[in-house]
Amino acid sequence: MLEDVLLADSPALEVVHPALTSVEARAQHRATIMEHQLNVFMDTTYEKVIDVERKLQERLEASLQTTQSEVLATAAYAIRGIHKRVVKFTFSSGMF
């Protein structure tokens, strides 16, 4: 703090102040560029995550449909087998 007061009264301030202002402006400009790059990166990453999520959802739905079809086919096959046995038993037992 004392250094600030001493510097404010010294002729060095006339030399240092423009340099500090220039450094601050460059730092602010660089920070703005980096913020923009970060936003672009986050947007791109978010889009990729959404795309992966959509693809996984599509695969899950396809898998569920396949599984459902397989279960239905197995059930239909089992029902046909049971039906054949019932018909065979019915005719062999003389009920019809």
N, C-alpha and C. Protein backbone atom coordinates (compact mmCIF):
# COMPACT_ATOMS: atom_id res chain seq x y z
N MET A 1 0.82 -1.18 0.00
CA MET A 1 0.00 0.00 0.00
C MET A 1 0.87 1.25 0.00
N LEU A 2 1.90 1.25 0.82
CA LEU A 2 2.83 2.38 0.85
C LEU A 2 3.52 2.51 -0.50
N GLU A 3 3.81 1.37 -1.11
CA GLU A 3 4.45 1.40 -2.44
C GLU A 3 3.54 2.08 -3.46
N ASP A 4 2.23 1.84 -3.36
CA ASP A 4 1.28 2.48 -4.28
C ASP A 4 1.31 4.00 -4.12
N VAL A 5 1.38 4.44 -2.90
CA VAL A 5 1.43 5.88 -2.65
C VAL A 5 2.73 6.46 -3.19
N LEU A 6 3.84 5.78 -2.92
CA LEU A 6 5.13 6.27 -3.40
C LEU A 6 5.18 6.26 -4.93
N LEU A 7 4.63 5.21 -5.52
CA LEU A 7 4.63 5.10 -6.98
C LEU A 7 3.75 6.18 -7.60
N ALA A 8 2.64 6.49 -6.96
CA ALA A 8 1.73 7.51 -7.47
C ALA A 8 2.40 8.88 -7.52
N ASP A 9 3.33 9.11 -6.62
CA ASP A 9 4.02 10.40 -6.59
C ASP A 9 5.28 10.41 -7.45
N SER A 10 5.66 9.27 -7.98
CA SER A 10 6.93 9.23 -8.70
C SER A 10 6.73 9.39 -10.20
N PRO A 11 7.75 9.85 -10.91
CA PRO A 11 7.67 9.96 -12.37
C PRO A 11 7.62 8.59 -13.04
N ALA A 12 7.96 7.53 -12.31
CA ALA A 12 7.91 6.18 -12.90
C ALA A 12 6.49 5.79 -13.26
N LEU A 13 5.52 6.38 -12.57
CA LEU A 13 4.12 6.10 -12.86
C LEU A 13 3.79 6.42 -14.31
N GLU A 14 4.36 7.48 -14.84
CA GLU A 14 4.09 7.86 -16.23
C GLU A 14 4.60 6.80 -17.20
N VAL A 15 5.62 6.05 -16.80
CA VAL A 15 6.18 5.00 -17.66
C VAL A 15 5.44 3.67 -17.41
N VAL A 16 5.20 3.37 -16.15
CA VAL A 16 4.63 2.07 -15.78
C VAL A 16 3.14 1.98 -16.11
N HIS A 17 2.41 3.05 -15.88
CA HIS A 17 0.95 3.01 -16.06
C HIS A 17 0.54 2.59 -17.48
N PRO A 18 1.09 3.17 -18.55
CA PRO A 18 0.70 2.73 -19.89
C PRO A 18 1.06 1.26 -20.14
N ALA A 19 2.20 0.82 -19.62
CA ALA A 19 2.59 -0.58 -19.80
C ALA A 19 1.61 -1.50 -19.09
N LEU A 20 1.24 -1.14 -17.86
CA LEU A 20 0.27 -1.95 -17.11
C LEU A 20 -1.09 -1.96 -17.79
N THR A 21 -1.48 -0.83 -18.31
CA THR A 21 -2.75 -0.74 -19.03
C THR A 21 -2.73 -1.62 -20.27
N SER A 22 -1.63 -1.62 -20.98
CA SER A 22 -1.49 -2.46 -22.16
C SER A 22 -1.54 -3.95 -21.79
N VAL A 23 -0.83 -4.31 -20.73
CA VAL A 23 -0.84 -5.71 -20.27
C VAL A 23 -2.24 -6.11 -19.86
N GLU A 24 -2.93 -5.24 -19.15
CA GLU A 24 -4.29 -5.53 -18.70
C GLU A 24 -5.23 -5.71 -19.90
N ALA A 25 -5.09 -4.85 -20.90
CA ALA A 25 -5.94 -4.95 -22.10
C ALA A 25 -5.68 -6.26 -22.84
N ARG A 26 -4.39 -6.62 -22.97
CA ARG A 26 -4.06 -7.88 -23.65
C ARG A 26 -4.59 -9.08 -22.86
N ALA A 27 -4.46 -9.01 -21.54
CA ALA A 27 -4.96 -10.10 -20.70
C ALA A 27 -6.48 -10.22 -20.83
N GLN A 28 -7.17 -9.10 -20.85
CA GLN A 28 -8.62 -9.12 -21.00
C GLN A 28 -9.02 -9.68 -22.36
N HIS A 29 -8.31 -9.27 -23.40
CA HIS A 29 -8.58 -9.77 -24.75
C HIS A 29 -8.36 -11.28 -24.81
N ARG A 30 -7.27 -11.74 -24.23
CA ARG A 30 -6.96 -13.18 -24.22
C ARG A 30 -8.02 -13.94 -23.42
N ALA A 31 -8.46 -13.37 -22.31
CA ALA A 31 -9.50 -14.01 -21.50
C ALA A 31 -10.80 -14.12 -22.29
N THR A 32 -11.12 -13.10 -23.07
CA THR A 32 -12.33 -13.14 -23.90
C THR A 32 -12.22 -14.23 -24.95
N ILE A 33 -11.06 -14.34 -25.59
CA ILE A 33 -10.85 -15.39 -26.59
C ILE A 33 -10.97 -16.77 -25.95
N MET A 34 -10.35 -16.94 -24.80
CA MET A 34 -10.40 -18.23 -24.11
C MET A 34 -11.82 -18.58 -23.68
N GLU A 35 -12.56 -17.58 -23.24
CA GLU A 35 -13.96 -17.81 -22.86
C GLU A 35 -14.77 -18.26 -24.07
N HIS A 36 -14.54 -17.63 -25.20
CA HIS A 36 -15.23 -18.02 -26.43
C HIS A 36 -14.87 -19.46 -26.81
N GLN A 37 -13.57 -19.79 -26.75
CA GLN A 37 -13.13 -21.14 -27.08
C GLN A 37 -13.76 -22.17 -26.13
N LEU A 38 -13.84 -21.82 -24.87
CA LEU A 38 -14.46 -22.72 -23.89
C LEU A 38 -15.94 -22.92 -24.20
N ASN A 39 -16.63 -21.84 -24.55
CA ASN A 39 -18.05 -21.95 -24.89
C ASN A 39 -18.25 -22.83 -26.12
N VAL A 40 -17.41 -22.66 -27.13
CA VAL A 40 -17.50 -23.49 -28.34
C VAL A 40 -17.26 -24.95 -27.97
N PHE A 41 -16.23 -25.20 -27.16
CA PHE A 41 -15.92 -26.56 -26.74
C PHE A 41 -17.08 -27.18 -25.98
N MET A 42 -17.67 -26.42 -25.05
CA MET A 42 -18.78 -26.94 -24.26
C MET A 42 -19.99 -27.22 -25.14
N ASP A 43 -20.28 -26.33 -26.09
CA ASP A 43 -21.41 -26.54 -27.00
C ASP A 43 -21.19 -27.79 -27.84
N THR A 44 -19.98 -27.93 -28.38
CA THR A 44 -19.65 -29.09 -29.20
C THR A 44 -19.74 -30.37 -28.37
N THR A 45 -19.20 -30.33 -27.17
CA THR A 45 -19.24 -31.50 -26.30
C THR A 45 -20.68 -31.85 -25.95
N TYR A 46 -21.50 -30.86 -25.66
CA TYR A 46 -22.90 -31.10 -25.34
C TYR A 46 -23.62 -31.74 -26.53
N GLU A 47 -23.35 -31.25 -27.73
CA GLU A 47 -23.97 -31.83 -28.93
C GLU A 47 -23.54 -33.28 -29.10
N LYS A 48 -22.27 -33.57 -28.84
CA LYS A 48 -21.78 -34.95 -28.96
C LYS A 48 -22.44 -35.84 -27.92
N VAL A 49 -22.59 -35.35 -26.70
CA VAL A 49 -23.23 -36.13 -25.65
C VAL A 49 -24.68 -36.41 -26.02
N ILE A 50 -25.37 -35.41 -26.52
CA ILE A 50 -26.76 -35.58 -26.95
C ILE A 50 -26.84 -36.61 -28.07
N ASP A 51 -25.91 -36.56 -29.03
CA ASP A 51 -25.88 -37.52 -30.13
C ASP A 51 -25.65 -38.94 -29.62
N VAL A 52 -24.71 -39.10 -28.70
CA VAL A 52 -24.43 -40.42 -28.13
C VAL A 52 -25.66 -40.93 -27.38
N GLU A 53 -26.29 -40.05 -26.61
CA GLU A 53 -27.49 -40.43 -25.87
C GLU A 53 -28.60 -40.88 -26.83
N ARG A 54 -28.77 -40.15 -27.93
CA ARG A 54 -29.80 -40.51 -28.92
C ARG A 54 -29.50 -41.87 -29.53
N LYS A 55 -28.23 -42.10 -29.89
CA LYS A 55 -27.85 -43.39 -30.49
C LYS A 55 -28.05 -44.54 -29.50
N LEU A 56 -27.69 -44.31 -28.24
CA LEU A 56 -27.90 -45.35 -27.23
C LEU A 56 -29.38 -45.64 -27.05
N GLN A 57 -30.20 -44.60 -27.06
CA GLN A 57 -31.64 -44.78 -26.92
C GLN A 57 -32.19 -45.58 -28.10
N GLU A 58 -31.73 -45.27 -29.32
CA GLU A 58 -32.17 -46.01 -30.50
C GLU A 58 -31.77 -47.48 -30.40
N ARG A 59 -30.54 -47.73 -29.96
CA ARG A 59 -30.07 -49.11 -29.82
C ARG A 59 -30.86 -49.85 -28.75
N LEU A 60 -31.15 -49.16 -27.65
CA LEU A 60 -31.92 -49.77 -26.58
C LEU A 60 -33.32 -50.14 -27.08
N GLU A 61 -33.95 -49.22 -27.80
CA GLU A 61 -35.29 -49.49 -28.32
C GLU A 61 -35.26 -50.64 -29.32
N ALA A 62 -34.24 -50.68 -30.19
CA ALA A 62 -34.11 -51.77 -31.15
C ALA A 62 -33.89 -53.09 -30.42
N SER A 63 -33.07 -53.05 -29.39
CA SER A 63 -32.79 -54.26 -28.61
C SER A 63 -34.05 -54.74 -27.91
N LEU A 64 -34.81 -53.80 -27.34
CA LEU A 64 -36.05 -54.17 -26.67
C LEU A 64 -37.06 -54.76 -27.66
N GLN A 65 -37.13 -54.18 -28.86
CA GLN A 65 -38.04 -54.71 -29.87
C GLN A 65 -37.62 -56.12 -30.28
N THR A 66 -36.30 -56.31 -30.45
CA THR A 66 -35.80 -57.63 -30.81
C THR A 66 -36.10 -58.62 -29.70
N THR A 67 -35.83 -58.23 -28.47
CA THR A 67 -36.10 -59.10 -27.32
C THR A 67 -37.58 -59.41 -27.22
N GLN A 68 -38.41 -58.40 -27.41
CA GLN A 68 -39.85 -58.60 -27.35
C GLN A 68 -40.29 -59.56 -28.46
N SER A 69 -39.76 -59.38 -29.66
CA SER A 69 -40.09 -60.27 -30.77
C SER A 69 -39.66 -61.70 -30.47
N GLU A 70 -38.45 -61.84 -29.90
CA GLU A 70 -37.96 -63.17 -29.56
C GLU A 70 -38.83 -63.82 -28.48
N VAL A 71 -39.23 -63.05 -27.49
CA VAL A 71 -40.10 -63.58 -26.43
C VAL A 71 -41.44 -64.00 -27.01
N LEU A 72 -42.01 -63.15 -27.87
CA LEU A 72 -43.29 -63.49 -28.49
C LEU A 72 -43.18 -64.72 -29.37
N ALA A 73 -42.09 -64.81 -30.13
CA ALA A 73 -41.89 -65.98 -30.99
C ALA A 73 -41.74 -67.25 -30.14
N THR A 74 -40.99 -67.15 -29.06
CA THR A 74 -40.81 -68.31 -28.17
C THR A 74 -42.14 -68.70 -27.53
N ALA A 75 -42.90 -67.69 -27.10
CA ALA A 75 -44.21 -67.97 -26.50
C ALA A 75 -45.15 -68.61 -27.52
N ALA A 76 -45.15 -68.09 -28.73
CA ALA A 76 -46.01 -68.65 -29.79
C ALA A 76 -45.61 -70.09 -30.08
N TYR A 77 -44.30 -70.35 -30.13
CA TYR A 77 -43.81 -71.70 -30.38
C TYR A 77 -44.25 -72.63 -29.25
N ALA A 78 -44.13 -72.16 -28.02
CA ALA A 78 -44.53 -72.97 -26.86
C ALA A 78 -46.03 -73.23 -26.89
N ILE A 79 -46.81 -72.22 -27.22
CA ILE A 79 -48.27 -72.38 -27.29
C ILE A 79 -48.64 -73.37 -28.37
N ARG A 80 -47.99 -73.29 -29.53
CA ARG A 80 -48.26 -74.25 -30.61
C ARG A 80 -47.93 -75.68 -30.15
N GLY A 81 -46.81 -75.81 -29.44
CA GLY A 81 -46.42 -77.13 -28.94
C GLY A 81 -47.44 -77.66 -27.94
N ILE A 82 -47.89 -76.80 -27.04
CA ILE A 82 -48.90 -77.21 -26.07
C ILE A 82 -50.20 -77.56 -26.77
N HIS A 83 -50.59 -76.76 -27.74
CA HIS A 83 -51.82 -77.00 -28.49
C HIS A 83 -51.76 -78.36 -29.20
N LYS A 84 -50.63 -78.64 -29.83
CA LYS A 84 -50.47 -79.92 -30.53
C LYS A 84 -50.60 -81.08 -29.54
N ARG A 85 -50.01 -80.93 -28.36
CA ARG A 85 -50.07 -82.00 -27.37
C ARG A 85 -51.50 -82.19 -26.86
N VAL A 86 -52.20 -81.06 -26.65
CA VAL A 86 -53.59 -81.14 -26.18
C VAL A 86 -54.45 -81.82 -27.24
N VAL A 87 -54.28 -81.42 -28.49
CA VAL A 87 -55.07 -82.02 -29.58
C VAL A 87 -54.74 -83.51 -29.68
N LYS A 88 -53.47 -83.84 -29.63
CA LYS A 88 -53.04 -85.23 -29.74
C LYS A 88 -53.61 -86.04 -28.57
N PHE A 89 -53.52 -85.48 -27.35
CA PHE A 89 -54.05 -86.17 -26.18
C PHE A 89 -55.56 -86.34 -26.30
N THR A 90 -56.24 -85.28 -26.76
CA THR A 90 -57.69 -85.32 -26.87
C THR A 90 -58.13 -86.42 -27.83
N PHE A 91 -57.48 -86.49 -28.99
CA PHE A 91 -57.86 -87.50 -29.98
C PHE A 91 -57.42 -88.90 -29.55
N SER A 92 -56.29 -88.99 -28.90
CA SER A 92 -55.81 -90.31 -28.48
C SER A 92 -56.61 -90.86 -27.30
N SER A 93 -57.21 -89.99 -26.53
CA SER A 93 -57.99 -90.45 -25.38
C SER A 93 -59.43 -90.77 -25.76
N GLY A 94 -59.79 -90.48 -26.98
CA GLY A 94 -61.12 -90.79 -27.46
C GLY A 94 -62.17 -89.79 -27.07
N MET A 95 -61.76 -88.61 -26.65
CA MET A 95 -62.74 -87.60 -26.28
C MET A 95 -63.47 -87.06 -27.50
N PHE A 96 -62.84 -87.13 -28.65
CA PHE A 96 -63.49 -86.65 -29.89
C PHE A 96 -63.46 -87.73 -30.92
